[in-house]
């Protein structure tokens, strides 16, 4: 029961963080590893569990979607679905040991992007003396690569999407957040379809159900709460969580 409570709370926290702006993986993955799942199975399980929370958040934001440049929402979502499936396939096809070794570094990379991504975006725009304007094809290629990363690991992929759209198209991150949530759901959905068929995630049904239940509640509540908190506070919460979990994972390794 203590393990179920742990994953329930971790799922709720992950759902809230994803609704805020990303970072749910930083909580979900370590919690699942802590209750005995292998890193690969934990990663698959966290993706499956976070899908309903992402969909719940997307439902809250459904009337606030804005296009990403000239790319249609349908095209962007299709690319996200395809990339998420490819990334999930790579996770299952590559040796488990390679993912085990990569996890701390993936967490660290995602944390750095989370901490400095927006500053790098502004510095690049300043150095060029103008705002970049990516073509629709470039946006879709970038989205496919990010979706692959999201299907394989997923840490801070939402932050990376916002950074790409901000640098390449000059989109405001607050305005783009509803689309980010929607694309996260698309990535997770295709990855989940593969994980349910080919991974060991269903071998621990109570653990998975506990995290899934928490993630749904957290995703729905977090989307409403995110509208009331300042962007600075939201970013501080996510970054603190990311740094803490990254350090703990390196210590565990």
C-alpha atoms as a PDB file:
ATOM      1  CA  UNK A   1       0.000   0.000   0.000  1.00  0.00           C
ATOM      2  CA  UNK A   2       2.890   2.380   0.714  1.00  0.00           C
ATOM      3  CA  UNK A   3       4.238   1.800  -2.804  1.00  0.00           C
ATOM      4  CA  UNK A   4       0.817   2.464  -4.360  1.00  0.00           C
ATOM      5  CA  UNK A   5       0.505   5.664  -2.317  1.00  0.00           C
ATOM      6  CA  UNK A   6       3.954   6.760  -3.475  1.00  0.00           C
ATOM      7  CA  UNK A   7       3.162   6.286  -7.157  1.00  0.00           C
ATOM      8  CA  UNK A   8      -0.283   7.864  -6.716  1.00  0.00           C
ATOM      9  CA  UNK A   9       1.272  11.017  -5.269  1.00  0.00           C
ATOM     10  CA  UNK A  10       4.069  10.963  -7.849  1.00  0.00           C
ATOM     11  CA  UNK A  11       1.501  10.641 -10.639  1.00  0.00           C
ATOM     12  CA  UNK A  12      -0.459  13.609  -9.290  1.00  0.00           C
ATOM     13  CA  UNK A  13       2.710  15.700  -9.050  1.00  0.00           C
ATOM     14  CA  UNK A  14       3.765  14.676 -12.563  1.00  0.00           C
ATOM     15  CA  UNK A  15       0.349  15.573 -13.974  1.00  0.00           C
ATOM     16  CA  UNK A  16       0.481  18.977 -12.318  1.00  0.00           C
ATOM     17  CA  UNK A  17       4.009  19.671 -13.571  1.00  0.00           C
ATOM     18  CA  UNK A  18       3.127  18.702 -17.138  1.00  0.00           C
ATOM     19  CA  UNK A  19       0.132  21.031 -17.021  1.00  0.00           C
ATOM     20  CA  UNK A  20       2.334  23.818 -15.648  1.00  0.00           C
ATOM     21  CA  UNK A  21       4.898  23.601 -18.437  1.00  0.00           C
ATOM     22  CA  UNK A  22       6.587  20.201 -18.432  1.00  0.00           C
ATOM     23  CA  UNK A  23       8.776  18.114 -16.165  1.00  0.00           C
ATOM     24  CA  UNK A  24       6.446  15.314 -15.095  1.00  0.00           C
ATOM     25  CA  UNK A  25       9.018  12.696 -16.105  1.00  0.00           C
ATOM     26  CA  UNK A  26      11.382  14.035 -13.442  1.00  0.00           C
ATOM     27  CA  UNK A  27       8.936  12.836 -10.776  1.00  0.00           C
ATOM     28  CA  UNK A  28       7.276   9.822 -12.415  1.00  0.00           C
ATOM     29  CA  UNK A  29      10.380   7.950 -13.585  1.00  0.00           C
ATOM     30  CA  UNK A  30      12.328   7.987 -10.275  1.00  0.00           C
ATOM     31  CA  UNK A  31       9.193   7.038  -8.330  1.00  0.00           C
ATOM     32  CA  UNK A  32       8.574   3.981 -10.505  1.00  0.00           C
ATOM     33  CA  UNK A  33      12.220   2.927 -10.296  1.00  0.00           C
ATOM     34  CA  UNK A  34      12.033   3.357  -6.510  1.00  0.00           C
ATOM     35  CA  UNK A  35       9.210   0.786  -6.277  1.00  0.00           C
ATOM     36  CA  UNK A  36      11.231  -1.798  -8.189  1.00  0.00           C
ATOM     37  CA  UNK A  37      10.595  -1.318 -11.915  1.00  0.00           C
ATOM     38  CA  UNK A  38      13.529  -1.401 -14.316  1.00  0.00           C
ATOM     39  CA  UNK A  39      14.357   1.989 -15.910  1.00  0.00           C
ATOM     40  CA  UNK A  40      13.030   0.916 -19.329  1.00  0.00           C
ATOM     41  CA  UNK A  41       9.778  -0.460 -17.883  1.00  0.00           C
ATOM     42  CA  UNK A  42       9.485   2.574 -15.592  1.00  0.00           C
ATOM     43  CA  UNK A  43       9.885   4.902 -18.555  1.00  0.00           C
ATOM     44  CA  UNK A  44       7.224   3.028 -20.546  1.00  0.00           C
ATOM     45  CA  UNK A  45       4.899   2.958 -17.532  1.00  0.00           C
ATOM     46  CA  UNK A  46       5.315   6.665 -16.825  1.00  0.00           C
ATOM     47  CA  UNK A  47       4.479   7.493 -20.440  1.00  0.00           C
ATOM     48  CA  UNK A  48       1.355   5.319 -20.328  1.00  0.00           C
ATOM     49  CA  UNK A  49       0.286   6.803 -17.008  1.00  0.00           C
ATOM     50  CA  UNK A  50       0.796  10.406 -18.105  1.00  0.00           C
ATOM     51  CA  UNK A  51      -1.347  10.103 -21.254  1.00  0.00           C
ATOM     52  CA  UNK A  52      -4.728  10.614 -19.525  1.00  0.00           C
ATOM     53  CA  UNK A  53      -3.330  13.570 -17.559  1.00  0.00           C
ATOM     54  CA  UNK A  54      -2.053  15.167 -20.777  1.00  0.00           C
ATOM     55  CA  UNK A  55      -5.420  14.568 -22.442  1.00  0.00           C
ATOM     56  CA  UNK A  56      -7.226  16.062 -19.419  1.00  0.00           C
ATOM     57  CA  UNK A  57      -5.020  19.163 -19.596  1.00  0.00           C
ATOM     58  CA  UNK A  58      -5.550  19.379 -23.349  1.00  0.00           C
ATOM     59  CA  UNK A  59      -9.309  19.277 -22.809  1.00  0.00           C
ATOM     60  CA  UNK A  60      -9.092  22.246 -20.444  1.00  0.00           C
ATOM     61  CA  UNK A  61      -7.053  24.176 -23.040  1.00  0.00           C
ATOM     62  CA  UNK A  62      -9.068  23.060 -26.088  1.00  0.00           C
ATOM     63  CA  UNK A  63     -10.485  26.522 -26.856  1.00  0.00           C
ATOM     64  CA  UNK A  64      -7.109  28.270 -26.524  1.00  0.00           C
ATOM     65  CA  UNK A  65      -5.122  26.533 -29.266  1.00  0.00           C
ATOM     66  CA  UNK A  66      -3.174  28.815 -31.614  1.00  0.00           C
ATOM     67  CA  UNK A  67      -1.362  27.717 -34.817  1.00  0.00           C
ATOM     68  CA  UNK A  68       2.401  27.207 -34.812  1.00  0.00           C
ATOM     69  CA  UNK A  69       3.460  29.495 -37.626  1.00  0.00           C
ATOM     70  CA  UNK A  70       1.854  28.464 -40.893  1.00  0.00           C
ATOM     71  CA  UNK A  71       1.740  24.774 -39.934  1.00  0.00           C
ATOM     72  CA  UNK A  72      -1.740  23.378 -39.499  1.00  0.00           C
ATOM     73  CA  UNK A  73      -2.645  21.770 -36.201  1.00  0.00           C
ATOM     74  CA  UNK A  74      -3.483  18.548 -38.051  1.00  0.00           C
ATOM     75  CA  UNK A  75      -0.047  18.345 -39.699  1.00  0.00           C
ATOM     76  CA  UNK A  76       1.779  19.142 -36.455  1.00  0.00           C
ATOM     77  CA  UNK A  77      -0.207  16.541 -34.529  1.00  0.00           C
ATOM     78  CA  UNK A  78       0.367  13.892 -37.199  1.00  0.00           C
ATOM     79  CA  UNK A  79       4.117  14.482 -37.033  1.00  0.00           C
ATOM     80  CA  UNK A  80       4.039  14.303 -33.227  1.00  0.00           C
ATOM     81  CA  UNK A  81       2.199  10.971 -33.341  1.00  0.00           C
ATOM     82  CA  UNK A  82       4.678   9.540 -35.858  1.00  0.00           C
ATOM     83  CA  UNK A  83       7.764  10.756 -33.995  1.00  0.00           C
ATOM     84  CA  UNK A  84       6.479   9.517 -30.644  1.00  0.00           C
ATOM     85  CA  UNK A  85       5.959   6.047 -32.093  1.00  0.00           C
ATOM     86  CA  UNK A  86       9.466   5.959 -33.590  1.00  0.00           C
ATOM     87  CA  UNK A  87      11.031   7.057 -30.303  1.00  0.00           C
ATOM     88  CA  UNK A  88       9.107   4.418 -28.358  1.00  0.00           C
ATOM     89  CA  UNK A  89      10.255   1.788 -30.855  1.00  0.00           C
ATOM     90  CA  UNK A  90      13.882   2.818 -30.305  1.00  0.00           C
ATOM     91  CA  UNK A  91      13.448   2.489 -26.532  1.00  0.00           C
ATOM     92  CA  UNK A  92      12.196  -1.083 -26.909  1.00  0.00           C
ATOM     93  CA  UNK A  93      14.644  -2.083 -29.651  1.00  0.00           C
ATOM     94  CA  UNK A  94      17.886  -0.782 -28.154  1.00  0.00           C
ATOM     95  CA  UNK A  95      19.620  -2.695 -25.312  1.00  0.00           C
ATOM     96  CA  UNK A  96      18.175  -1.906 -21.883  1.00  0.00           C
ATOM     97  CA  UNK A  97      21.666  -1.285 -20.520  1.00  0.00           C
ATOM     98  CA  UNK A  98      22.126   1.637 -22.894  1.00  0.00           C
ATOM     99  CA  UNK A  99      19.001   3.327 -21.546  1.00  0.00           C
ATOM    100  CA  UNK A 100      20.019   2.615 -17.942  1.00  0.00           C
ATOM    101  CA  UNK A 101      23.357   4.332 -18.539  1.00  0.00           C
ATOM    102  CA  UNK A 102      21.791   7.226 -20.443  1.00  0.00           C
ATOM    103  CA  UNK A 103      18.996   8.125 -17.994  1.00  0.00           C
ATOM    104  CA  UNK A 104      21.050  10.325 -15.600  1.00  0.00           C
ATOM    105  CA  UNK A 105      22.549  12.184 -18.556  1.00  0.00           C
ATOM    106  CA  UNK A 106      19.176  12.567 -20.254  1.00  0.00           C
ATOM    107  CA  UNK A 107      17.822  14.046 -17.029  1.00  0.00           C
ATOM    108  CA  UNK A 108      20.829  16.370 -16.812  1.00  0.00           C
ATOM    109  CA  UNK A 109      20.440  17.455 -20.447  1.00  0.00           C
ATOM    110  CA  UNK A 110      16.743  18.136 -19.967  1.00  0.00           C
ATOM    111  CA  UNK A 111      17.496  20.115 -16.800  1.00  0.00           C
ATOM    112  CA  UNK A 112      20.033  22.304 -18.614  1.00  0.00           C
ATOM    113  CA  UNK A 113      17.510  22.982 -21.391  1.00  0.00           C
ATOM    114  CA  UNK A 114      14.931  23.781 -18.762  1.00  0.00           C
ATOM    115  CA  UNK A 115      17.266  26.194 -16.964  1.00  0.00           C
ATOM    116  CA  UNK A 116      18.953  27.932 -19.878  1.00  0.00           C
ATOM    117  CA  UNK A 117      16.849  27.203 -22.973  1.00  0.00           C
ATOM    118  CA  UNK A 118      15.066  30.553 -23.054  1.00  0.00           C
ATOM    119  CA  UNK A 119      18.295  32.491 -22.437  1.00  0.00           C
ATOM    120  CA  UNK A 120      19.962  30.639 -25.293  1.00  0.00           C
ATOM    121  CA  UNK A 121      16.975  31.442 -27.486  1.00  0.00           C
ATOM    122  CA  UNK A 122      17.205  35.150 -26.722  1.00  0.00           C
ATOM    123  CA  UNK A 123      20.999  35.156 -27.157  1.00  0.00           C
ATOM    124  CA  UNK A 124      20.705  33.514 -30.565  1.00  0.00           C
ATOM    125  CA  UNK A 125      18.098  36.004 -31.740  1.00  0.00           C
ATOM    126  CA  UNK A 126      20.244  38.899 -30.461  1.00  0.00           C
ATOM    127  CA  UNK A 127      23.365  37.557 -32.156  1.00  0.00           C
ATOM    128  CA  UNK A 128      21.537  37.262 -35.464  1.00  0.00           C
ATOM    129  CA  UNK A 129      20.047  40.713 -35.039  1.00  0.00           C
ATOM    130  CA  UNK A 130      16.624  39.466 -36.010  1.00  0.00           C
ATOM    131  CA  UNK A 131      13.939  36.991 -35.127  1.00  0.00           C
ATOM    132  CA  UNK A 132      14.273  33.714 -36.980  1.00  0.00           C
ATOM    133  CA  UNK A 133      11.385  32.651 -39.196  1.00  0.00           C
ATOM    134  CA  UNK A 134      11.403  28.920 -39.844  1.00  0.00           C
ATOM    135  CA  UNK A 135       9.614  27.445 -42.820  1.00  0.00           C
ATOM    136  CA  UNK A 136       6.758  25.008 -42.323  1.00  0.00           C
ATOM    137  CA  UNK A 137       9.024  22.152 -43.395  1.00  0.00           C
ATOM    138  CA  UNK A 138      11.677  23.105 -40.829  1.00  0.00           C
ATOM    139  CA  UNK A 139       9.059  23.318 -38.086  1.00  0.00           C
ATOM    140  CA  UNK A 140       7.778  19.845 -38.946  1.00  0.00           C
ATOM    141  CA  UNK A 141      11.284  18.342 -39.090  1.00  0.00           C
ATOM    142  CA  UNK A 142      12.107  19.860 -35.707  1.00  0.00           C
ATOM    143  CA  UNK A 143       8.826  18.626 -34.279  1.00  0.00           C
ATOM    144  CA  UNK A 144       9.483  15.097 -35.539  1.00  0.00           C
ATOM    145  CA  UNK A 145      12.919  15.006 -33.866  1.00  0.00           C
ATOM    146  CA  UNK A 146      11.500  16.325 -30.605  1.00  0.00           C
ATOM    147  CA  UNK A 147       8.656  13.801 -30.776  1.00  0.00           C
ATOM    148  CA  UNK A 148      11.215  10.993 -31.224  1.00  0.00           C
ATOM    149  CA  UNK A 149      13.007  12.213 -28.108  1.00  0.00           C
ATOM    150  CA  UNK A 150       9.648  12.398 -26.329  1.00  0.00           C
ATOM    151  CA  UNK A 151       8.778   8.817 -27.250  1.00  0.00           C
ATOM    152  CA  UNK A 152      12.214   7.575 -26.172  1.00  0.00           C
ATOM    153  CA  UNK A 153      12.529   9.518 -22.907  1.00  0.00           C
ATOM    154  CA  UNK A 154      10.394  12.628 -22.746  1.00  0.00           C
ATOM    155  CA  UNK A 155      12.079  14.706 -20.029  1.00  0.00           C
ATOM    156  CA  UNK A 156      11.479  18.426 -20.740  1.00  0.00           C
ATOM    157  CA  UNK A 157      10.297  17.730 -24.294  1.00  0.00           C
ATOM    158  CA  UNK A 158       7.511  20.257 -23.751  1.00  0.00           C
ATOM    159  CA  UNK A 159      10.068  22.904 -22.779  1.00  0.00           C
ATOM    160  CA  UNK A 160      12.067  22.080 -25.905  1.00  0.00           C
ATOM    161  CA  UNK A 161       8.969  22.521 -28.053  1.00  0.00           C
ATOM    162  CA  UNK A 162       8.319  25.955 -26.581  1.00  0.00           C
ATOM    163  CA  UNK A 163      11.976  26.882 -27.111  1.00  0.00           C
ATOM    164  CA  UNK A 164      11.862  25.767 -30.761  1.00  0.00           C
ATOM    165  CA  UNK A 165       8.697  27.728 -31.462  1.00  0.00           C
ATOM    166  CA  UNK A 166       9.976  30.768 -29.585  1.00  0.00           C
ATOM    167  CA  UNK A 167      13.351  30.901 -31.360  1.00  0.00           C
ATOM    168  CA  UNK A 168      12.169  29.862 -34.787  1.00  0.00           C
ATOM    169  CA  UNK A 169       8.852  31.698 -34.971  1.00  0.00           C
ATOM    170  CA  UNK A 170       8.873  34.272 -32.193  1.00  0.00           C
ATOM    171  CA  UNK A 171       5.823  32.748 -30.529  1.00  0.00           C
ATOM    172  CA  UNK A 172       4.978  33.771 -26.984  1.00  0.00           C
ATOM    173  CA  UNK A 173       5.422  30.814 -24.631  1.00  0.00           C
ATOM    174  CA  UNK A 174       2.263  31.541 -22.662  1.00  0.00           C
ATOM    175  CA  UNK A 175       0.170  31.653 -25.838  1.00  0.00           C
ATOM    176  CA  UNK A 176       1.847  28.468 -27.128  1.00  0.00           C
ATOM    177  CA  UNK A 177       1.364  26.471 -23.926  1.00  0.00           C
ATOM    178  CA  UNK A 178      -2.054  25.008 -24.874  1.00  0.00           C
ATOM    179  CA  UNK A 179      -0.578  23.702 -28.147  1.00  0.00           C
ATOM    180  CA  UNK A 180       2.393  22.270 -26.224  1.00  0.00           C
ATOM    181  CA  UNK A 181       0.016  20.305 -24.001  1.00  0.00           C
ATOM    182  CA  UNK A 182      -1.862  19.007 -27.042  1.00  0.00           C
ATOM    183  CA  UNK A 183       1.310  17.872 -28.805  1.00  0.00           C
ATOM    184  CA  UNK A 184       2.567  16.159 -25.652  1.00  0.00           C
ATOM    185  CA  UNK A 185      -0.663  14.164 -25.582  1.00  0.00           C
ATOM    186  CA  UNK A 186      -0.145  13.193 -29.240  1.00  0.00           C
ATOM    187  CA  UNK A 187       3.429  12.033 -28.583  1.00  0.00           C
ATOM    188  CA  UNK A 188       2.422  10.054 -25.517  1.00  0.00           C
ATOM    189  CA  UNK A 189      -0.556   8.440 -27.243  1.00  0.00           C
ATOM    190  CA  UNK A 190       1.454   6.810 -30.036  1.00  0.00           C
ATOM    191  CA  UNK A 191       4.241   5.795 -27.654  1.00  0.00           C
ATOM    192  CA  UNK A 192       1.663   4.317 -25.282  1.00  0.00           C
ATOM    193  CA  UNK A 193       0.082   2.220 -28.030  1.00  0.00           C
ATOM    194  CA  UNK A 194       3.449   0.558 -28.649  1.00  0.00           C
ATOM    195  CA  UNK A 195       4.351   0.226 -24.969  1.00  0.00           C
ATOM    196  CA  UNK A 196       1.050  -1.508 -24.169  1.00  0.00           C
ATOM    197  CA  UNK A 197       1.775  -4.112 -26.831  1.00  0.00           C
ATOM    198  CA  UNK A 198       5.520  -4.649 -26.513  1.00  0.00           C
ATOM    199  CA  UNK A 199       6.718  -3.552 -23.045  1.00  0.00           C
ATOM    200  CA  UNK A 200       6.440  -5.073 -19.553  1.00  0.00           C
ATOM    201  CA  UNK A 201       4.423  -2.149 -18.204  1.00  0.00           C
ATOM    202  CA  UNK A 202       1.276  -4.246 -17.683  1.00  0.00           C
ATOM    203  CA  UNK A 203       3.171  -6.676 -15.441  1.00  0.00           C
ATOM    204  CA  UNK A 204       2.675  -4.239 -12.543  1.00  0.00           C
ATOM    205  CA  UNK A 205      -1.006  -3.258 -12.981  1.00  0.00           C
ATOM    206  CA  UNK A 206      -1.552  -1.801  -9.490  1.00  0.00           C
ATOM    207  CA  UNK A 207       1.503   0.437  -9.775  1.00  0.00           C
ATOM    208  CA  UNK A 208       0.452   1.584 -13.230  1.00  0.00           C
ATOM    209  CA  UNK A 209      -3.146   2.197 -12.122  1.00  0.00           C
ATOM    210  CA  UNK A 210      -1.974   4.206  -9.118  1.00  0.00           C
ATOM    211  CA  UNK A 211       0.200   6.518 -11.188  1.00  0.00           C
ATOM    212  CA  UNK A 212      -2.425   6.818 -13.902  1.00  0.00           C
ATOM    213  CA  UNK A 213      -5.101   7.834 -11.391  1.00  0.00           C
ATOM    214  CA  UNK A 214      -2.839  10.438  -9.826  1.00  0.00           C
ATOM    215  CA  UNK A 215      -1.780  11.807 -13.215  1.00  0.00           C
ATOM    216  CA  UNK A 216      -5.376  12.327 -14.368  1.00  0.00           C
ATOM    217  CA  UNK A 217      -6.259  14.250 -11.212  1.00  0.00           C
ATOM    218  CA  UNK A 218      -3.018  16.225 -11.326  1.00  0.00           C
ATOM    219  CA  UNK A 219      -3.303  17.039 -15.015  1.00  0.00           C
ATOM    220  CA  UNK A 220      -6.852  18.331 -14.730  1.00  0.00           C
ATOM    221  CA  UNK A 221      -6.232  20.332 -11.546  1.00  0.00           C
ATOM    222  CA  UNK A 222      -2.846  21.583 -12.735  1.00  0.00           C
ATOM    223  CA  UNK A 223      -4.242  23.066 -15.948  1.00  0.00           C
ATOM    224  CA  UNK A 224      -6.716  25.123 -13.928  1.00  0.00           C
ATOM    225  CA  UNK A 225      -4.122  26.079 -11.313  1.00  0.00           C
ATOM    226  CA  UNK A 226      -1.549  27.084 -13.937  1.00  0.00           C
ATOM    227  CA  UNK A 227      -3.853  29.867 -15.086  1.00  0.00           C
ATOM    228  CA  UNK A 228      -3.686  31.472 -11.628  1.00  0.00           C
ATOM    229  CA  UNK A 229       0.067  31.299 -10.907  1.00  0.00           C
ATOM    230  CA  UNK A 230       2.756  33.552 -12.337  1.00  0.00           C
ATOM    231  CA  UNK A 231       5.013  32.218 -15.091  1.00  0.00           C
ATOM    232  CA  UNK A 232       8.074  32.865 -12.915  1.00  0.00           C
ATOM    233  CA  UNK A 233       6.702  30.793 -10.041  1.00  0.00           C
ATOM    234  CA  UNK A 234       5.691  27.950 -12.359  1.00  0.00           C
ATOM    235  CA  UNK A 235       9.155  27.881 -13.903  1.00  0.00           C
ATOM    236  CA  UNK A 236      10.790  27.904 -10.463  1.00  0.00           C
ATOM    237  CA  UNK A 237       8.725  24.917  -9.298  1.00  0.00           C
ATOM    238  CA  UNK A 238       9.569  22.875 -12.393  1.00  0.00           C
ATOM    239  CA  UNK A 239      13.273  23.750 -12.326  1.00  0.00           C
ATOM    240  CA  UNK A 240      13.607  22.927  -8.617  1.00  0.00           C
ATOM    241  CA  UNK A 241      11.986  19.550  -9.211  1.00  0.00           C
ATOM    242  CA  UNK A 242      14.231  18.844 -12.201  1.00  0.00           C
ATOM    243  CA  UNK A 243      17.461  19.697 -10.395  1.00  0.00           C
ATOM    244  CA  UNK A 244      16.502  17.667  -7.317  1.00  0.00           C
ATOM    245  CA  UNK A 245      15.552  14.551  -9.263  1.00  0.00           C
ATOM    246  CA  UNK A 246      18.610  14.758 -11.507  1.00  0.00           C
ATOM    247  CA  UNK A 247      20.968  14.957  -8.522  1.00  0.00           C
ATOM    248  CA  UNK A 248      19.196  12.081  -6.773  1.00  0.00           C
ATOM    249  CA  UNK A 249      19.382   9.930  -9.916  1.00  0.00           C
ATOM    250  CA  UNK A 250      23.135  10.541 -10.279  1.00  0.00           C
ATOM    251  CA  UNK A 251      23.623   9.622  -6.615  1.00  0.00           C
ATOM    252  CA  UNK A 252      21.607   6.435  -7.134  1.00  0.00           C
ATOM    253  CA  UNK A 253      23.713   5.511 -10.186  1.00  0.00           C
END
